[in-house]
C-alpha atoms as a PDB file:
ATOM      1  CA  UNK A   1      31.396 127.585 100.587  1.00  0.00           C
ATOM      2  CA  UNK A   2      34.122 127.411 103.163  1.00  0.00           C
ATOM      3  CA  UNK A   3      36.717 125.249 104.611  1.00  0.00           C
ATOM      4  CA  UNK A   4      35.704 123.308 107.564  1.00  0.00           C
ATOM      5  CA  UNK A   5      37.683 124.581 110.539  1.00  0.00           C
ATOM      6  CA  UNK A   6      39.106 122.582 113.394  1.00  0.00           C
ATOM      7  CA  UNK A   7      38.620 125.504 115.691  1.00  0.00           C
ATOM      8  CA  UNK A   8      35.476 126.420 117.644  1.00  0.00           C
ATOM      9  CA  UNK A   9      34.269 129.834 119.054  1.00  0.00           C
ATOM     10  CA  UNK A  10      33.170 129.229 122.570  1.00  0.00           C
ATOM     11  CA  UNK A  11      33.411 131.192 125.931  1.00  0.00           C
ATOM     12  CA  UNK A  12      36.503 130.957 128.032  1.00  0.00           C
ATOM     13  CA  UNK A  13      36.231 128.156 130.520  1.00  0.00           C
ATOM     14  CA  UNK A  14      33.278 126.511 128.806  1.00  0.00           C
ATOM     15  CA  UNK A  15      33.205 122.766 129.460  1.00  0.00           C
ATOM     16  CA  UNK A  16      31.046 121.587 126.700  1.00  0.00           C
ATOM     17  CA  UNK A  17      29.874 122.980 123.356  1.00  0.00           C
ATOM     18  CA  UNK A  18      26.235 122.090 122.623  1.00  0.00           C
ATOM     19  CA  UNK A  19      26.427 122.378 118.852  1.00  0.00           C
ATOM     20  CA  UNK A  20      28.529 123.520 115.996  1.00  0.00           C
ATOM     21  CA  UNK A  21      27.813 124.512 112.442  1.00  0.00           C
ATOM     22  CA  UNK A  22      29.992 123.845 109.500  1.00  0.00           C
ATOM     23  CA  UNK A  23      28.873 127.043 107.650  1.00  0.00           C
ATOM     24  CA  UNK A  24      27.483 130.332 109.095  1.00  0.00           C
ATOM     25  CA  UNK A  25      25.418 130.624 105.850  1.00  0.00           C
ATOM     26  CA  UNK A  26      23.504 127.604 107.016  1.00  0.00           C
ATOM     27  CA  UNK A  27      22.101 129.419 109.943  1.00  0.00           C
ATOM     28  CA  UNK A  28      21.747 132.965 108.829  1.00  0.00           C
ATOM     29  CA  UNK A  29      19.517 134.927 106.442  1.00  0.00           C
ATOM     30  CA  UNK A  30      16.917 132.209 105.778  1.00  0.00           C
ATOM     31  CA  UNK A  31      14.067 134.459 105.976  1.00  0.00           C
ATOM     32  CA  UNK A  32      12.914 138.100 106.143  1.00  0.00           C
ATOM     33  CA  UNK A  33       9.941 139.476 108.164  1.00  0.00           C
ATOM     34  CA  UNK A  34       8.562 142.812 107.544  1.00  0.00           C
ATOM     35  CA  UNK A  35       5.899 143.902 110.179  1.00  0.00           C
ATOM     36  CA  UNK A  36       4.156 147.177 109.885  1.00  0.00           C
ATOM     37  CA  UNK A  37       4.002 148.940 113.267  1.00  0.00           C
ATOM     38  CA  UNK A  38       2.073 152.183 114.049  1.00  0.00           C
ATOM     39  CA  UNK A  39       3.225 155.055 116.382  1.00  0.00           C
ATOM     40  CA  UNK A  40       1.825 153.270 119.420  1.00  0.00           C
ATOM     41  CA  UNK A  41       3.886 150.162 118.675  1.00  0.00           C
ATOM     42  CA  UNK A  42       0.901 148.066 117.644  1.00  0.00           C
ATOM     43  CA  UNK A  43       1.048 145.710 114.644  1.00  0.00           C
ATOM     44  CA  UNK A  44      -0.904 147.005 111.756  1.00  0.00           C
ATOM     45  CA  UNK A  45      -2.137 144.878 108.789  1.00  0.00           C
ATOM     46  CA  UNK A  46      -0.560 141.552 107.745  1.00  0.00           C
ATOM     47  CA  UNK A  47       2.985 140.605 108.447  1.00  0.00           C
ATOM     48  CA  UNK A  48       5.079 140.063 105.234  1.00  0.00           C
ATOM     49  CA  UNK A  49       7.508 136.989 105.283  1.00  0.00           C
ATOM     50  CA  UNK A  50      10.059 136.088 102.735  1.00  0.00           C
ATOM     51  CA  UNK A  51      11.417 132.556 102.898  1.00  0.00           C
ATOM     52  CA  UNK A  52      14.646 131.176 101.604  1.00  0.00           C
ATOM     53  CA  UNK A  53      14.060 128.523  98.832  1.00  0.00           C
ATOM     54  CA  UNK A  54      16.797 127.157  96.591  1.00  0.00           C
ATOM     55  CA  UNK A  55      15.090 128.161  93.379  1.00  0.00           C
ATOM     56  CA  UNK A  56      13.210 131.228  94.606  1.00  0.00           C
ATOM     57  CA  UNK A  57       9.876 129.572  94.552  1.00  0.00           C
ATOM     58  CA  UNK A  58       7.889 127.420  96.909  1.00  0.00           C
ATOM     59  CA  UNK A  59       8.044 123.750  95.781  1.00  0.00           C
ATOM     60  CA  UNK A  60       5.026 121.565  95.195  1.00  0.00           C
ATOM     61  CA  UNK A  61       5.696 119.724  98.504  1.00  0.00           C
ATOM     62  CA  UNK A  62       6.303 122.950 100.544  1.00  0.00           C
ATOM     63  CA  UNK A  63       3.432 125.062  99.119  1.00  0.00           C
ATOM     64  CA  UNK A  64       0.547 122.960 100.700  1.00  0.00           C
ATOM     65  CA  UNK A  65       2.288 122.859 104.052  1.00  0.00           C
ATOM     66  CA  UNK A  66       2.592 126.712 104.464  1.00  0.00           C
ATOM     67  CA  UNK A  67       0.214 128.018 107.044  1.00  0.00           C
ATOM     68  CA  UNK A  68      -2.448 130.284 105.396  1.00  0.00           C
ATOM     69  CA  UNK A  69      -3.877 133.084 107.241  1.00  0.00           C
ATOM     70  CA  UNK A  70      -5.346 136.547 106.504  1.00  0.00           C
ATOM     71  CA  UNK A  71      -2.849 138.338 108.563  1.00  0.00           C
ATOM     72  CA  UNK A  72       0.288 136.746 106.973  1.00  0.00           C
ATOM     73  CA  UNK A  73       1.689 137.211 103.401  1.00  0.00           C
ATOM     74  CA  UNK A  74       4.272 134.583 102.543  1.00  0.00           C
ATOM     75  CA  UNK A  75       6.656 134.754  99.574  1.00  0.00           C
ATOM     76  CA  UNK A  76      10.197 133.507  98.928  1.00  0.00           C
ATOM     77  CA  UNK A  77      13.446 134.165  97.296  1.00  0.00           C
ATOM     78  CA  UNK A  78      16.618 132.445  96.650  1.00  0.00           C
ATOM     79  CA  UNK A  79      18.441 134.166  99.549  1.00  0.00           C
ATOM     80  CA  UNK A  80      15.503 134.956 101.858  1.00  0.00           C
ATOM     81  CA  UNK A  81      16.236 138.554 101.336  1.00  0.00           C
ATOM     82  CA  UNK A  82      13.835 141.048  99.738  1.00  0.00           C
ATOM     83  CA  UNK A  83      14.279 142.182  96.128  1.00  0.00           C
ATOM     84  CA  UNK A  84      12.831 145.334  94.631  1.00  0.00           C
ATOM     85  CA  UNK A  85       9.935 143.349  93.214  1.00  0.00           C
ATOM     86  CA  UNK A  86       9.273 142.021  96.733  1.00  0.00           C
ATOM     87  CA  UNK A  87       9.215 145.528  98.097  1.00  0.00           C
ATOM     88  CA  UNK A  88       6.822 146.583  95.319  1.00  0.00           C
ATOM     89  CA  UNK A  89       4.472 143.775  96.366  1.00  0.00           C
ATOM     90  CA  UNK A  90       4.741 144.546  99.921  1.00  0.00           C
ATOM     91  CA  UNK A  91       3.943 148.233  99.344  1.00  0.00           C
ATOM     92  CA  UNK A  92       0.894 147.428  97.017  1.00  0.00           C
ATOM     93  CA  UNK A  93      -0.586 144.489  98.779  1.00  0.00           C
ATOM     94  CA  UNK A  94       0.432 144.835 102.340  1.00  0.00           C
ATOM     95  CA  UNK A  95       1.292 148.444 103.185  1.00  0.00           C
ATOM     96  CA  UNK A  96      -1.183 150.370 101.070  1.00  0.00           C
ATOM     97  CA  UNK A  97      -4.382 148.481 102.369  1.00  0.00           C
ATOM     98  CA  UNK A  98      -3.243 149.092 105.897  1.00  0.00           C
ATOM     99  CA  UNK A  99      -2.827 152.866 105.694  1.00  0.00           C
ATOM    100  CA  UNK A 100      -5.966 155.025 105.631  1.00  0.00           C
ATOM    101  CA  UNK A 101      -4.441 158.541 106.544  1.00  0.00           C
ATOM    102  CA  UNK A 102      -1.186 160.336 105.791  1.00  0.00           C
ATOM    103  CA  UNK A 103       1.830 158.289 107.069  1.00  0.00           C
ATOM    104  CA  UNK A 104       5.464 158.590 107.810  1.00  0.00           C
ATOM    105  CA  UNK A 105       7.442 155.692 106.448  1.00  0.00           C
ATOM    106  CA  UNK A 106      10.756 154.852 108.214  1.00  0.00           C
ATOM    107  CA  UNK A 107      13.075 153.004 105.803  1.00  0.00           C
ATOM    108  CA  UNK A 108      16.707 151.794 106.121  1.00  0.00           C
ATOM    109  CA  UNK A 109      19.278 152.762 103.482  1.00  0.00           C
ATOM    110  CA  UNK A 110      18.837 149.755 101.275  1.00  0.00           C
ATOM    111  CA  UNK A 111      18.255 151.156  97.837  1.00  0.00           C
ATOM    112  CA  UNK A 112      15.545 148.613  97.001  1.00  0.00           C
ATOM    113  CA  UNK A 113      13.443 150.028  99.748  1.00  0.00           C
ATOM    114  CA  UNK A 114      14.211 153.724  99.297  1.00  0.00           C
ATOM    115  CA  UNK A 115      13.234 154.088  95.615  1.00  0.00           C
ATOM    116  CA  UNK A 116      10.475 156.884  95.816  1.00  0.00           C
ATOM    117  CA  UNK A 117       8.909 155.641  92.528  1.00  0.00           C
ATOM    118  CA  UNK A 118       7.737 152.464  94.332  1.00  0.00           C
ATOM    119  CA  UNK A 119       5.623 154.513  96.837  1.00  0.00           C
ATOM    120  CA  UNK A 120       4.653 157.380  94.743  1.00  0.00           C
ATOM    121  CA  UNK A 121       2.756 155.007  92.347  1.00  0.00           C
ATOM    122  CA  UNK A 122       1.033 153.294  95.218  1.00  0.00           C
ATOM    123  CA  UNK A 123       0.357 156.230  97.425  1.00  0.00           C
ATOM    124  CA  UNK A 124      -1.506 158.751  95.349  1.00  0.00           C
ATOM    125  CA  UNK A 125      -4.635 160.702  95.792  1.00  0.00           C
ATOM    126  CA  UNK A 126      -5.614 161.695  99.273  1.00  0.00           C
ATOM    127  CA  UNK A 127      -2.865 159.821 101.166  1.00  0.00           C
ATOM    128  CA  UNK A 128       0.586 161.302 101.442  1.00  0.00           C
ATOM    129  CA  UNK A 129       3.424 159.079 102.394  1.00  0.00           C
ATOM    130  CA  UNK A 130       6.570 160.946 103.574  1.00  0.00           C
ATOM    131  CA  UNK A 131       9.806 158.948 103.678  1.00  0.00           C
ATOM    132  CA  UNK A 132      12.299 159.619 106.436  1.00  0.00           C
ATOM    133  CA  UNK A 133      15.414 157.768 105.575  1.00  0.00           C
ATOM    134  CA  UNK A 134      18.408 160.087 105.673  1.00  0.00           C
ATOM    135  CA  UNK A 135      18.415 159.834 109.477  1.00  0.00           C
ATOM    136  CA  UNK A 136      19.021 156.108 109.397  1.00  0.00           C
ATOM    137  CA  UNK A 137      21.707 155.863 106.618  1.00  0.00           C
ATOM    138  CA  UNK A 138      24.652 153.738 107.987  1.00  0.00           C
ATOM    139  CA  UNK A 139      22.864 153.480 111.386  1.00  0.00           C
ATOM    140  CA  UNK A 140      21.034 150.274 110.831  1.00  0.00           C
ATOM    141  CA  UNK A 141      23.485 148.316 113.183  1.00  0.00           C
ATOM    142  CA  UNK A 142      22.447 150.606 116.127  1.00  0.00           C
ATOM    143  CA  UNK A 143      18.782 150.123 115.588  1.00  0.00           C
ATOM    144  CA  UNK A 144      18.750 146.349 114.968  1.00  0.00           C
END
């Protein structure tokens, strides 16, 4: 919710502006993509995608039109951002089946991702999962 502005952000000397948006929220945070990448930079396992839907669920008209593939897991939330339950699902259904040996898990500082209980329940037995997160606290802007 914002007041429409009569001003426009453009570069100095720009002759025409191709488009404008009334609200920045309309063009940001509409989805989150979580790929799993190994140390060689290769994509491992399926990609996890969280779409933004007004009620947090795929509607009856949208659900049949979603592309279905073995290497894509699609879910949704009201904001398009991941909640703790999304991270639990990601760890259990996407990350765990993709890991066969010990792994180093690089996480940002968001508390929903860094909760050690999520990973200790899923990575038990012969696979050890170390989390390296202190290195990245307050540095996500430099990585992104």
